[in-house]
Amino acid sequence: MQGSKPDYQNLGLSTIMGTQLRLLVETQLLAELTNYGLETNNLKFDWSGSCIQGHDASYLDGQLENFSGIFLFDTNDQLIVDGWMEFIHEGNFFLAYWEFIAVWEEQKKVFEKAKPGIPDHIWQQIPDDLKWNYEKERL
């Protein structure tokens, strides 16, 4: 994806998400970026390369999978983040987070979470009565 132009119109395989679900997922993924030292102002999602990678769920007005091929660009269309999302959906609890993530600065990778698992900052957001379901997935 380095060097190529973003495509903000093509939603790739993420077209199954409705407007409300996409807004929630994007809001949660952006909020998590602060844990990786990123400012989230003016970042734009490019879902055009999104691919289905595993489990799925129905929530709000659509469906979702743990998509890979998610890109975020700044206002100059420079790649800032690429990654793969994961989510937890249990009853009324829903949380999307970055399973794998690479952070880019001036076309150089400056950070990468290459190991799957639930990081501490996500673990703290999971209700205590659900944590036992995810103990094996914790980093």
Protein backbone atom coordinates (compact mmCIF):
# COMPACT_ATOMS: atom_id res chain seq x y z
CA MET A 1 0.00 0.00 0.00
CA GLN A 2 2.99 2.30 0.43
CA GLY A 3 3.05 4.89 -2.31
CA SER A 4 -0.44 4.22 -3.61
CA LYS A 5 -3.35 6.60 -3.39
CA PRO A 6 -6.18 6.00 -0.94
CA ASP A 7 -9.66 5.09 -2.11
CA TYR A 8 -12.17 6.52 0.34
CA GLN A 9 -15.24 5.52 -1.71
CA ASN A 10 -14.67 1.78 -2.17
CA LEU A 11 -15.59 -0.05 1.05
CA GLY A 12 -14.10 -3.37 0.00
CA LEU A 13 -15.61 -6.33 1.82
CA SER A 14 -16.67 -4.05 4.70
CA THR A 15 -19.81 -3.07 2.75
CA ILE A 16 -21.75 -5.38 5.09
CA MET A 17 -21.44 -2.78 7.86
CA GLY A 18 -24.29 -0.31 8.06
CA THR A 19 -23.76 3.40 8.69
CA GLN A 20 -24.22 3.17 12.48
CA LEU A 21 -21.96 0.14 12.85
CA ARG A 22 -19.23 1.66 10.66
CA LEU A 23 -19.33 4.88 12.71
CA LEU A 24 -18.99 2.91 15.96
CA VAL A 25 -16.15 0.73 14.64
CA GLU A 26 -14.25 3.71 13.24
CA THR A 27 -14.76 5.72 16.44
CA GLN A 28 -13.44 2.86 18.59
CA LEU A 29 -10.47 2.15 16.31
CA LEU A 30 -9.54 5.84 16.24
CA ALA A 31 -9.85 6.12 20.03
CA GLU A 32 -7.48 3.20 20.51
CA LEU A 33 -4.76 4.91 18.45
CA THR A 34 -3.96 7.22 21.36
CA ASN A 35 -2.59 4.12 23.13
CA TYR A 36 -0.02 3.89 20.33
CA GLY A 37 0.95 7.56 20.65
CA LEU A 38 -1.02 8.85 17.68
CA GLU A 39 -3.10 11.98 17.25
CA THR A 40 -6.36 11.01 15.61
CA ASN A 41 -7.43 14.38 14.24
CA ASN A 42 -8.27 14.34 10.55
CA LEU A 43 -7.39 10.69 9.86
CA LYS A 44 -9.49 9.12 7.12
CA PHE A 45 -10.35 5.44 6.69
CA ASP A 46 -9.70 3.55 3.47
CA TRP A 47 -11.60 0.26 3.57
CA SER A 48 -11.01 -0.57 -0.11
CA GLY A 49 -8.56 -3.37 0.70
CA SER A 50 -10.59 -4.84 3.54
CA CYS A 51 -10.75 -8.63 3.61
CA ILE A 52 -12.68 -11.09 5.75
CA GLN A 53 -10.43 -12.92 8.19
CA GLY A 54 -12.51 -14.94 10.62
CA HIS A 55 -15.45 -14.68 12.95
CA ASP A 56 -18.44 -12.49 12.27
CA ALA A 57 -21.33 -10.85 14.09
CA SER A 58 -24.47 -8.86 13.49
CA TYR A 59 -24.74 -5.62 15.43
CA LEU A 60 -26.69 -2.38 15.11
CA ASP A 61 -27.51 -1.93 11.41
CA GLY A 62 -25.08 -4.37 9.83
CA GLN A 63 -22.61 -7.19 10.05
CA LEU A 64 -18.89 -7.26 10.53
CA GLU A 65 -15.90 -9.55 10.45
CA ASN A 66 -12.44 -9.11 11.87
CA PHE A 67 -11.31 -7.29 8.74
CA SER A 68 -7.74 -6.95 7.55
CA GLY A 69 -6.56 -4.41 4.99
CA ILE A 70 -7.71 -1.31 6.87
CA PHE A 71 -5.74 1.87 6.12
CA LEU A 72 -5.81 5.34 7.67
CA PHE A 73 -4.43 8.37 5.88
CA ASP A 74 -3.79 11.96 6.94
CA THR A 75 -5.12 15.03 5.13
CA ASN A 76 -2.17 14.85 2.70
CA ASP A 77 -3.10 11.26 1.81
CA GLN A 78 0.01 9.93 3.55
CA LEU A 79 -0.37 6.47 5.06
CA ILE A 80 -0.38 6.67 8.87
CA VAL A 81 -1.81 3.30 9.93
CA ASP A 82 -2.50 -0.06 8.39
CA GLY A 83 -3.93 -2.96 10.25
CA TRP A 84 -6.35 -5.69 11.03
CA MET A 85 -9.25 -5.20 13.41
CA GLU A 86 -10.67 -7.57 15.97
CA PHE A 87 -13.81 -7.19 18.04
CA ILE A 88 -15.61 -8.52 21.08
CA HIS A 89 -19.39 -8.76 20.92
CA GLU A 90 -21.22 -10.27 23.87
CA GLY A 91 -24.84 -9.29 24.44
CA ASN A 92 -24.94 -5.48 24.58
CA PHE A 93 -21.17 -5.15 24.89
CA PHE A 94 -19.26 -4.32 21.71
CA LEU A 95 -15.64 -3.27 21.37
CA ALA A 96 -13.53 -3.05 18.20
CA TYR A 97 -9.76 -2.83 18.50
CA TRP A 98 -6.57 -3.27 16.46
CA GLU A 99 -5.43 -6.91 16.38
CA PHE A 100 -2.43 -6.10 14.19
CA ILE A 101 -1.30 -2.55 13.52
CA ALA A 102 1.58 -0.78 11.82
CA VAL A 103 2.19 2.93 12.30
CA TRP A 104 3.92 4.87 9.52
CA GLU A 105 5.73 8.19 9.54
CA GLU A 106 7.15 9.65 6.32
CA GLN A 107 6.79 6.25 4.61
CA LYS A 108 8.78 4.46 7.32
CA LYS A 109 7.27 1.96 9.74
CA VAL A 110 7.84 3.33 13.24
CA PHE A 111 5.77 0.85 15.25
CA GLU A 112 4.21 -2.55 14.74
CA LYS A 113 1.98 -4.75 16.87
CA ALA A 114 2.60 -8.01 15.06
CA LYS A 115 1.50 -10.42 17.77
CA PRO A 116 -2.21 -11.21 18.10
CA GLY A 117 -3.92 -10.79 21.43
CA ILE A 118 -5.78 -8.41 23.67
CA PRO A 119 -3.54 -5.62 24.98
CA ASP A 120 -3.91 -4.31 28.54
CA HIS A 121 -5.66 -1.10 27.51
CA ILE A 122 -8.39 -3.16 25.81
CA TRP A 123 -8.53 -5.74 28.62
CA GLN A 124 -9.39 -2.97 31.07
CA GLN A 125 -12.48 -2.07 29.00
CA ILE A 126 -13.94 -5.59 29.03
CA PRO A 127 -16.58 -6.11 31.73
CA ASP A 128 -15.34 -8.38 34.51
CA ASP A 129 -18.10 -10.92 33.94
CA LEU A 130 -16.90 -11.45 30.34
CA LYS A 131 -13.14 -11.56 30.90
CA TRP A 132 -13.03 -15.29 31.57
CA ASN A 133 -14.12 -15.86 27.93
CA TYR A 134 -11.02 -14.03 26.66
CA GLU A 135 -8.33 -14.97 29.18
CA LYS A 136 -6.43 -17.10 26.62
CA GLU A 137 -6.38 -14.22 24.12
CA ARG A 138 -4.71 -11.75 26.45
CA LEU A 139 -1.23 -10.46 25.58
